[in-house]
Amino acid sequence: MKVELIDFTGIGRDDETWHAADVMIFTKQTRLNLTSGLMKEVKAWDAAKKQQELDYMAKTIKSSWEFVDVTFLLSGVSRAVAQQITRTRTASYAMQSMRVTDASSFGVVEGEKLDEQQRMAYRAAVDSSKFFYTELVKMGVALEDARGILPLNTECNIVCKYNFRTLTDLVKARKSLRAQGEYGQIVREMERLIVEAWPWSKPFFESDKDVAINMLEDIVKSIGFTTGKGMGWEIAKAIDLIRKD
């Protein structure tokens, strides 16, 4: 399985690293101050000022996040996980076809939880299905009919395009340990590649719970903390309850 970031807002520009951030800041600013030269003003901000604004944006209304896009090529993923991926409806996809492509040489993704005996049985079942698939194709059976006997975990390639809001929501939901192992690996790699291309984006991938905890801790620091009593103490107890959830 391979995850590649093949396109994103601003790629190839002189300001490749910051252009998407500028677009997001600009679209947020337009709700308060729409002028013809606003984008130019935003681009003139220094990195520290931009990061300060982005850190705030990561904790507020998400609509401006939708104005920048990222596109990934996923290679050698199972069709099972591809089905899960395409359930995210606010995204665009192009997936390798088995209807018009001979799949006899395609690999099959193996589950990570198989022990040695189970893996041998799994591989035997895969080999059997691929053998009979090839035989059916030789007999002249249409590819769209022969594909029906191939394993659901047959490998495929898929291109996925998301706006940044959809991607961050997806990563937060699917990098959980409860998510399917393959899907979890994919979204973690997506996050890594985006943060590598856009270092400013790291705060946007924090879970809403972590953001809430950080906000509450800042409030406690500002109002003071006395052991055993006071508003700061009560907020600290609430923070502990959130962490345990």
C-alpha atoms as a PDB file:
ATOM      1  CA  MET A   1       0.000   0.000   0.000  1.00  0.00           C
ATOM      2  CA  LYS A   2       1.298   3.438  -0.962  1.00  0.00           C
ATOM      3  CA  VAL A   3      -0.142   6.905  -0.311  1.00  0.00           C
ATOM      4  CA  GLU A   4       1.038   9.834  -2.430  1.00  0.00           C
ATOM      5  CA  LEU A   5       0.023  13.497  -2.242  1.00  0.00           C
ATOM      6  CA  ILE A   6      -0.173  14.328  -5.939  1.00  0.00           C
ATOM      7  CA  ASP A   7      -1.857  17.739  -5.871  1.00  0.00           C
ATOM      8  CA  PHE A   8      -2.882  20.474  -3.456  1.00  0.00           C
ATOM      9  CA  THR A   9      -3.946  24.110  -3.548  1.00  0.00           C
ATOM     10  CA  GLY A  10      -0.846  26.160  -4.353  1.00  0.00           C
ATOM     11  CA  ILE A  11       1.383  23.356  -5.619  1.00  0.00           C
ATOM     12  CA  GLY A  12       4.036  24.642  -8.032  1.00  0.00           C
ATOM     13  CA  ARG A  13       3.673  28.276  -6.939  1.00  0.00           C
ATOM     14  CA  ASP A  14       6.533  30.312  -5.525  1.00  0.00           C
ATOM     15  CA  ASP A  15       4.546  30.502  -2.279  1.00  0.00           C
ATOM     16  CA  GLU A  16       3.610  26.805  -2.430  1.00  0.00           C
ATOM     17  CA  THR A  17       3.851  26.235   1.338  1.00  0.00           C
ATOM     18  CA  TRP A  18       1.688  29.208   2.313  1.00  0.00           C
ATOM     19  CA  HIS A  19      -0.743  29.777  -0.558  1.00  0.00           C
ATOM     20  CA  ALA A  20      -3.478  27.498   0.800  1.00  0.00           C
ATOM     21  CA  ALA A  21      -3.124  29.117   4.222  1.00  0.00           C
ATOM     22  CA  ASP A  22      -3.452  32.548   2.605  1.00  0.00           C
ATOM     23  CA  VAL A  23      -6.639  31.433   0.844  1.00  0.00           C
ATOM     24  CA  MET A  24      -8.108  30.153   4.109  1.00  0.00           C
ATOM     25  CA  ILE A  25      -7.216  33.330   6.006  1.00  0.00           C
ATOM     26  CA  PHE A  26      -8.586  35.453   3.177  1.00  0.00           C
ATOM     27  CA  THR A  27     -11.921  33.632   3.058  1.00  0.00           C
ATOM     28  CA  LYS A  28     -12.287  33.944   6.831  1.00  0.00           C
ATOM     29  CA  GLN A  29     -11.438  37.650   6.719  1.00  0.00           C
ATOM     30  CA  THR A  30     -14.029  38.347   4.017  1.00  0.00           C
ATOM     31  CA  ARG A  31     -16.816  37.764   6.515  1.00  0.00           C
ATOM     32  CA  LEU A  32     -15.665  40.920   8.286  1.00  0.00           C
ATOM     33  CA  ASN A  33     -13.703  42.925   5.758  1.00  0.00           C
ATOM     34  CA  LEU A  34     -14.114  42.415   2.017  1.00  0.00           C
ATOM     35  CA  THR A  35     -11.778  44.612  -0.049  1.00  0.00           C
ATOM     36  CA  SER A  36     -10.199  44.139  -3.453  1.00  0.00           C
ATOM     37  CA  GLY A  37      -6.690  44.152  -1.999  1.00  0.00           C
ATOM     38  CA  LEU A  38      -7.351  41.849   0.944  1.00  0.00           C
ATOM     39  CA  MET A  39      -5.567  38.801  -0.502  1.00  0.00           C
ATOM     40  CA  LYS A  40      -2.489  40.909  -1.210  1.00  0.00           C
ATOM     41  CA  GLU A  41      -2.568  42.171   2.375  1.00  0.00           C
ATOM     42  CA  VAL A  42      -2.799  38.656   3.767  1.00  0.00           C
ATOM     43  CA  LYS A  43       0.101  37.463   1.626  1.00  0.00           C
ATOM     44  CA  ALA A  44       2.215  40.309   3.035  1.00  0.00           C
ATOM     45  CA  TRP A  45       1.756  39.102   6.619  1.00  0.00           C
ATOM     46  CA  ASP A  46       4.806  37.462   8.173  1.00  0.00           C
ATOM     47  CA  ALA A  47       4.760  33.751   9.029  1.00  0.00           C
ATOM     48  CA  ALA A  48       4.267  34.348  12.760  1.00  0.00           C
ATOM     49  CA  LYS A  49       1.151  36.476  12.201  1.00  0.00           C
ATOM     50  CA  LYS A  50      -0.276  33.925   9.761  1.00  0.00           C
ATOM     51  CA  GLN A  51       0.360  31.027  12.157  1.00  0.00           C
ATOM     52  CA  GLN A  52      -1.302  32.928  14.998  1.00  0.00           C
ATOM     53  CA  GLU A  53      -4.398  33.437  12.847  1.00  0.00           C
ATOM     54  CA  LEU A  54      -4.380  29.791  11.710  1.00  0.00           C
ATOM     55  CA  ASP A  55      -4.068  28.520  15.284  1.00  0.00           C
ATOM     56  CA  TYR A  56      -7.221  30.490  16.089  1.00  0.00           C
ATOM     57  CA  MET A  57      -8.989  29.258  12.941  1.00  0.00           C
ATOM     58  CA  ALA A  58      -8.304  25.646  13.929  1.00  0.00           C
ATOM     59  CA  LYS A  59     -10.624  26.189  16.914  1.00  0.00           C
ATOM     60  CA  THR A  60     -13.468  28.070  15.261  1.00  0.00           C
ATOM     61  CA  ILE A  61     -15.910  27.973  12.300  1.00  0.00           C
ATOM     62  CA  LYS A  62     -14.684  25.524   9.633  1.00  0.00           C
ATOM     63  CA  SER A  63     -16.305  26.982   6.501  1.00  0.00           C
ATOM     64  CA  SER A  64     -13.107  28.675   5.299  1.00  0.00           C
ATOM     65  CA  TRP A  65     -11.296  25.316   5.365  1.00  0.00           C
ATOM     66  CA  GLU A  66     -13.402  24.201   2.403  1.00  0.00           C
ATOM     67  CA  PHE A  67     -11.690  26.577  -0.043  1.00  0.00           C
ATOM     68  CA  VAL A  68      -8.491  24.529  -0.360  1.00  0.00           C
ATOM     69  CA  ASP A  69      -8.146  21.020  -1.785  1.00  0.00           C
ATOM     70  CA  VAL A  70      -5.801  18.056  -1.568  1.00  0.00           C
ATOM     71  CA  THR A  71      -5.565  15.052  -3.900  1.00  0.00           C
ATOM     72  CA  PHE A  72      -4.034  11.658  -3.098  1.00  0.00           C
ATOM     73  CA  LEU A  73      -3.165   8.591  -5.141  1.00  0.00           C
ATOM     74  CA  LEU A  74      -3.621   5.406  -3.135  1.00  0.00           C
ATOM     75  CA  SER A  75      -1.897   2.405  -4.729  1.00  0.00           C
ATOM     76  CA  GLY A  76      -2.269  -1.250  -3.787  1.00  0.00           C
ATOM     77  CA  VAL A  77      -5.133  -0.770  -1.353  1.00  0.00           C
ATOM     78  CA  SER A  78      -7.862  -3.364  -0.946  1.00  0.00           C
ATOM     79  CA  ARG A  79     -11.192  -2.866  -2.663  1.00  0.00           C
ATOM     80  CA  ALA A  80     -12.718  -3.426   0.774  1.00  0.00           C
ATOM     81  CA  VAL A  81     -11.056  -0.300   2.151  1.00  0.00           C
ATOM     82  CA  ALA A  82     -11.777   1.547  -1.117  1.00  0.00           C
ATOM     83  CA  GLN A  83     -15.468   0.910  -0.463  1.00  0.00           C
ATOM     84  CA  GLN A  84     -15.084   2.444   2.980  1.00  0.00           C
ATOM     85  CA  ILE A  85     -13.200   5.424   1.582  1.00  0.00           C
ATOM     86  CA  THR A  86     -15.869   6.201  -1.011  1.00  0.00           C
ATOM     87  CA  ARG A  87     -18.547   6.401   1.697  1.00  0.00           C
ATOM     88  CA  THR A  88     -17.227   9.901   2.395  1.00  0.00           C
ATOM     89  CA  ARG A  89     -19.623  11.626   0.026  1.00  0.00           C
ATOM     90  CA  THR A  90     -18.117  15.130   0.122  1.00  0.00           C
ATOM     91  CA  ALA A  91     -15.095  14.029  -1.910  1.00  0.00           C
ATOM     92  CA  SER A  92     -14.225  12.990  -5.478  1.00  0.00           C
ATOM     93  CA  TYR A  93     -12.863   9.619  -6.579  1.00  0.00           C
ATOM     94  CA  ALA A  94     -11.440   7.792  -9.605  1.00  0.00           C
ATOM     95  CA  MET A  95     -10.924   4.072  -8.972  1.00  0.00           C
ATOM     96  CA  GLN A  96      -9.225   1.408 -11.047  1.00  0.00           C
ATOM     97  CA  SER A  97     -11.785  -0.714 -12.881  1.00  0.00           C
ATOM     98  CA  MET A  98     -12.043  -4.513 -12.783  1.00  0.00           C
ATOM     99  CA  ARG A  99     -14.818  -4.464 -15.371  1.00  0.00           C
ATOM    100  CA  VAL A 100     -12.560  -3.746 -18.329  1.00  0.00           C
ATOM    101  CA  THR A 101      -9.146  -4.673 -16.883  1.00  0.00           C
ATOM    102  CA  ASP A 102      -7.814  -8.236 -16.583  1.00  0.00           C
ATOM    103  CA  ALA A 103      -7.214  -8.627 -12.822  1.00  0.00           C
ATOM    104  CA  SER A 104      -5.376 -11.965 -12.940  1.00  0.00           C
ATOM    105  CA  SER A 105      -2.086 -10.330 -11.891  1.00  0.00           C
ATOM    106  CA  PHE A 106      -3.553  -8.112  -9.166  1.00  0.00           C
ATOM    107  CA  GLY A 107      -2.324  -8.684  -5.623  1.00  0.00           C
ATOM    108  CA  VAL A 108      -4.556  -9.312  -2.613  1.00  0.00           C
ATOM    109  CA  VAL A 109      -4.169  -7.480   0.703  1.00  0.00           C
ATOM    110  CA  GLU A 110      -3.731  -9.834   3.669  1.00  0.00           C
ATOM    111  CA  GLY A 111      -5.207  -9.083   7.080  1.00  0.00           C
ATOM    112  CA  GLU A 112      -2.711  -8.152   9.788  1.00  0.00           C
ATOM    113  CA  LYS A 113      -4.400 -10.295  12.455  1.00  0.00           C
ATOM    114  CA  LEU A 114      -3.888 -13.658  10.732  1.00  0.00           C
ATOM    115  CA  ASP A 115      -1.655 -16.198  12.463  1.00  0.00           C
ATOM    116  CA  GLU A 116       0.580 -18.471  10.356  1.00  0.00           C
ATOM    117  CA  GLN A 117      -1.968 -21.260   9.950  1.00  0.00           C
ATOM    118  CA  GLN A 118      -4.720 -18.821   9.079  1.00  0.00           C
ATOM    119  CA  ARG A 119      -2.440 -17.044   6.604  1.00  0.00           C
ATOM    120  CA  MET A 120      -1.720 -20.299   4.770  1.00  0.00           C
ATOM    121  CA  ALA A 121      -5.444 -21.059   4.495  1.00  0.00           C
ATOM    122  CA  TYR A 122      -6.135 -17.492   3.374  1.00  0.00           C
ATOM    123  CA  ARG A 123      -3.488 -17.670   0.641  1.00  0.00           C
ATOM    124  CA  ALA A 124      -4.813 -21.037  -0.564  1.00  0.00           C
ATOM    125  CA  ALA A 125      -8.300 -19.561  -0.919  1.00  0.00           C
ATOM    126  CA  VAL A 126      -6.903 -16.551  -2.781  1.00  0.00           C
ATOM    127  CA  ASP A 127      -4.862 -18.742  -5.139  1.00  0.00           C
ATOM    128  CA  SER A 128      -7.943 -20.849  -5.860  1.00  0.00           C
ATOM    129  CA  SER A 129     -10.123 -17.863  -6.717  1.00  0.00           C
ATOM    130  CA  LYS A 130      -7.429 -16.347  -8.953  1.00  0.00           C
ATOM    131  CA  PHE A 131      -6.899 -19.684 -10.727  1.00  0.00           C
ATOM    132  CA  PHE A 132     -10.567 -20.055 -11.565  1.00  0.00           C
ATOM    133  CA  TYR A 133     -10.810 -16.382 -12.533  1.00  0.00           C
ATOM    134  CA  THR A 134      -8.030 -16.916 -15.072  1.00  0.00           C
ATOM    135  CA  GLU A 135      -9.704 -20.076 -16.351  1.00  0.00           C
ATOM    136  CA  LEU A 136     -13.021 -18.281 -16.804  1.00  0.00           C
ATOM    137  CA  VAL A 137     -11.332 -15.470 -18.742  1.00  0.00           C
ATOM    138  CA  LYS A 138      -9.622 -18.059 -20.995  1.00  0.00           C
ATOM    139  CA  MET A 139     -13.036 -19.580 -21.645  1.00  0.00           C
ATOM    140  CA  GLY A 140     -14.259 -16.229 -22.901  1.00  0.00           C
ATOM    141  CA  VAL A 141     -16.262 -15.172 -19.856  1.00  0.00           C
ATOM    142  CA  ALA A 142     -16.593 -11.374 -19.761  1.00  0.00           C
ATOM    143  CA  LEU A 143     -14.264  -9.674 -17.267  1.00  0.00           C
ATOM    144  CA  GLU A 144     -17.241  -8.022 -15.580  1.00  0.00           C
ATOM    145  CA  ASP A 145     -18.682 -11.480 -14.838  1.00  0.00           C
ATOM    146  CA  ALA A 146     -15.429 -13.269 -13.999  1.00  0.00           C
ATOM    147  CA  ARG A 147     -14.449 -10.596 -11.439  1.00  0.00           C
ATOM    148  CA  GLY A 148     -17.301 -11.771  -9.215  1.00  0.00           C
ATOM    149  CA  ILE A 149     -15.233 -14.637  -7.797  1.00  0.00           C
ATOM    150  CA  LEU A 150     -12.188 -12.518  -6.878  1.00  0.00           C
ATOM    151  CA  PRO A 151     -11.567 -11.660  -3.196  1.00  0.00           C
ATOM    152  CA  LEU A 152     -12.912  -8.390  -1.824  1.00  0.00           C
ATOM    153  CA  ASN A 153      -9.362  -7.596  -0.731  1.00  0.00           C
ATOM    154  CA  THR A 154      -8.073  -7.579  -4.326  1.00  0.00           C
ATOM    155  CA  GLU A 155      -5.721  -4.621  -4.702  1.00  0.00           C
ATOM    156  CA  CYS A 156      -6.691  -1.490  -6.607  1.00  0.00           C
ATOM    157  CA  ASN A 157      -5.577   2.092  -7.112  1.00  0.00           C
ATOM    158  CA  ILE A 158      -7.804   5.039  -6.303  1.00  0.00           C
ATOM    159  CA  VAL A 159      -7.454   8.818  -6.606  1.00  0.00           C
ATOM    160  CA  CYS A 160      -9.163  10.784  -3.829  1.00  0.00           C
ATOM    161  CA  LYS A 161      -9.734  14.547  -3.731  1.00  0.00           C
ATOM    162  CA  TYR A 162     -10.913  16.272  -0.544  1.00  0.00           C
ATOM    163  CA  ASN A 163     -11.396  19.806   0.610  1.00  0.00           C
ATOM    164  CA  PHE A 164      -9.337  20.456   3.724  1.00  0.00           C
ATOM    165  CA  ARG A 165     -12.344  20.427   6.056  1.00  0.00           C
ATOM    166  CA  THR A 166     -13.458  16.997   4.848  1.00  0.00           C
ATOM    167  CA  LEU A 167      -9.927  15.635   5.134  1.00  0.00           C
ATOM    168  CA  THR A 168      -9.373  16.817   8.704  1.00  0.00           C
ATOM    169  CA  ASP A 169     -12.744  15.383   9.782  1.00  0.00           C
ATOM    170  CA  LEU A 170     -11.863  12.098   8.062  1.00  0.00           C
ATOM    171  CA  VAL A 171      -8.445  11.834   9.694  1.00  0.00           C
ATOM    172  CA  LYS A 172      -9.813  12.587  13.164  1.00  0.00           C
ATOM    173  CA  ALA A 173     -12.472   9.902  12.777  1.00  0.00           C
ATOM    174  CA  ARG A 174     -10.421   7.183  11.082  1.00  0.00           C
ATOM    175  CA  LYS A 175      -7.039   7.291  12.797  1.00  0.00           C
ATOM    176  CA  SER A 176      -8.750   5.824  15.854  1.00  0.00           C
ATOM    177  CA  LEU A 177      -7.466   2.410  16.951  1.00  0.00           C
ATOM    178  CA  ARG A 178     -11.033   1.141  16.403  1.00  0.00           C
ATOM    179  CA  ALA A 179     -10.851   1.857  12.659  1.00  0.00           C
ATOM    180  CA  GLN A 180      -9.853  -0.905  10.223  1.00  0.00           C
ATOM    181  CA  GLY A 181      -6.069  -1.250  10.312  1.00  0.00           C
ATOM    182  CA  GLU A 182      -5.539  -0.520   6.614  1.00  0.00           C
ATOM    183  CA  TYR A 183      -7.753   2.578   6.694  1.00  0.00           C
ATOM    184  CA  GLY A 184      -6.017   3.850   9.822  1.00  0.00           C
ATOM    185  CA  GLN A 185      -2.619   3.522   8.124  1.00  0.00           C
ATOM    186  CA  ILE A 186      -3.898   5.411   5.082  1.00  0.00           C
ATOM    187  CA  VAL A 187      -5.270   8.418   6.973  1.00  0.00           C
ATOM    188  CA  ARG A 188      -2.185   8.662   9.177  1.00  0.00           C
ATOM    189  CA  GLU A 189      -0.033   8.800   6.057  1.00  0.00           C
ATOM    190  CA  MET A 190      -2.374  11.413   4.539  1.00  0.00           C
ATOM    191  CA  GLU A 191      -1.956  13.540   7.653  1.00  0.00           C
ATOM    192  CA  ARG A 192       1.837  13.140   7.589  1.00  0.00           C
ATOM    193  CA  LEU A 193       2.066  14.185   3.942  1.00  0.00           C
ATOM    194  CA  ILE A 194      -0.165  17.227   4.427  1.00  0.00           C
ATOM    195  CA  VAL A 195       1.754  18.442   7.485  1.00  0.00           C
ATOM    196  CA  GLU A 196       4.973  17.928   5.522  1.00  0.00           C
ATOM    197  CA  ALA A 197       3.648  20.088   2.659  1.00  0.00           C
ATOM    198  CA  TRP A 198       1.851  22.562   4.950  1.00  0.00           C
ATOM    199  CA  PRO A 199       3.666  22.710   8.325  1.00  0.00           C
ATOM    200  CA  TRP A 200       1.153  25.338   9.476  1.00  0.00           C
ATOM    201  CA  SER A 201      -1.677  22.781   9.237  1.00  0.00           C
ATOM    202  CA  LYS A 202      -0.749  20.659  12.271  1.00  0.00           C
ATOM    203  CA  PRO A 203      -3.257  22.324  14.687  1.00  0.00           C
ATOM    204  CA  PHE A 204      -6.112  21.476  12.308  1.00  0.00           C
ATOM    205  CA  PHE A 205      -5.597  17.749  12.879  1.00  0.00           C
ATOM    206  CA  GLU A 206      -5.936  17.939  16.658  1.00  0.00           C
ATOM    207  CA  SER A 207      -9.032  16.199  17.974  1.00  0.00           C
ATOM    208  CA  ASP A 208     -11.895  18.417  19.084  1.00  0.00           C
ATOM    209  CA  LYS A 209     -11.467  16.981  22.591  1.00  0.00           C
ATOM    210  CA  ASP A 210      -7.796  18.018  22.715  1.00  0.00           C
ATOM    211  CA  VAL A 211      -8.680  21.486  21.448  1.00  0.00           C
ATOM    212  CA  ALA A 212     -11.370  21.833  24.132  1.00  0.00           C
ATOM    213  CA  ILE A 213      -8.938  20.708  26.845  1.00  0.00           C
ATOM    214  CA  ASN A 214      -6.310  23.222  25.700  1.00  0.00           C
ATOM    215  CA  MET A 215      -8.889  26.028  25.691  1.00  0.00           C
ATOM    216  CA  LEU A 216     -10.062  25.139  29.206  1.00  0.00           C
ATOM    217  CA  GLU A 217      -6.486  24.925  30.473  1.00  0.00           C
ATOM    218  CA  ASP A 218      -5.802  28.410  29.084  1.00  0.00           C
ATOM    219  CA  ILE A 219      -8.878  29.676  30.927  1.00  0.00           C
ATOM    220  CA  VAL A 220      -7.657  28.108  34.185  1.00  0.00           C
ATOM    221  CA  LYS A 221      -4.270  29.789  33.771  1.00  0.00           C
ATOM    222  CA  SER A 222      -5.919  33.148  33.180  1.00  0.00           C
ATOM    223  CA  ILE A 223      -8.293  33.018  36.188  1.00  0.00           C
ATOM    224  CA  GLY A 224      -5.906  31.265  38.569  1.00  0.00           C
ATOM    225  CA  PHE A 225      -5.986  27.885  40.273  1.00  0.00           C
ATOM    226  CA  THR A 226      -6.463  27.132  43.964  1.00  0.00           C
ATOM    227  CA  THR A 227      -6.330  23.535  45.183  1.00  0.00           C
ATOM    228  CA  GLY A 228      -9.670  22.234  46.391  1.00  0.00           C
ATOM    229  CA  LYS A 229     -11.847  25.240  45.637  1.00  0.00           C
ATOM    230  CA  GLY A 230     -12.747  27.970  43.177  1.00  0.00           C
ATOM    231  CA  MET A 231     -13.727  28.082  39.514  1.00  0.00           C
ATOM    232  CA  GLY A 232     -10.249  27.045  38.376  1.00  0.00           C
ATOM    233  CA  TRP A 233     -10.462  23.876  40.478  1.00  0.00           C
ATOM    234  CA  GLU A 234     -13.912  23.024  39.077  1.00  0.00           C
ATOM    235  CA  ILE A 235     -12.715  23.508  35.496  1.00  0.00           C
ATOM    236  CA  ALA A 236      -9.689  21.294  36.225  1.00  0.00           C
ATOM    237  CA  LYS A 237     -12.069  18.532  37.378  1.00  0.00           C
ATOM    238  CA  ALA A 238     -14.092  18.957  34.171  1.00  0.00           C
ATOM    239  CA  ILE A 239     -10.872  18.635  32.148  1.00  0.00           C
ATOM    240  CA  ASP A 240     -10.068  15.348  33.904  1.00  0.00           C
ATOM    241  CA  LEU A 241     -13.536  14.022  33.090  1.00  0.00           C
ATOM    242  CA  ILE A 242     -13.071  14.896  29.394  1.00  0.00           C
ATOM    243  CA  ARG A 243      -9.695  13.124  29.355  1.00  0.00           C
ATOM    244  CA  LYS A 244     -11.232   9.968  30.815  1.00  0.00           C
ATOM    245  CA  ASP A 245     -14.080   9.898  28.279  1.00  0.00           C
END
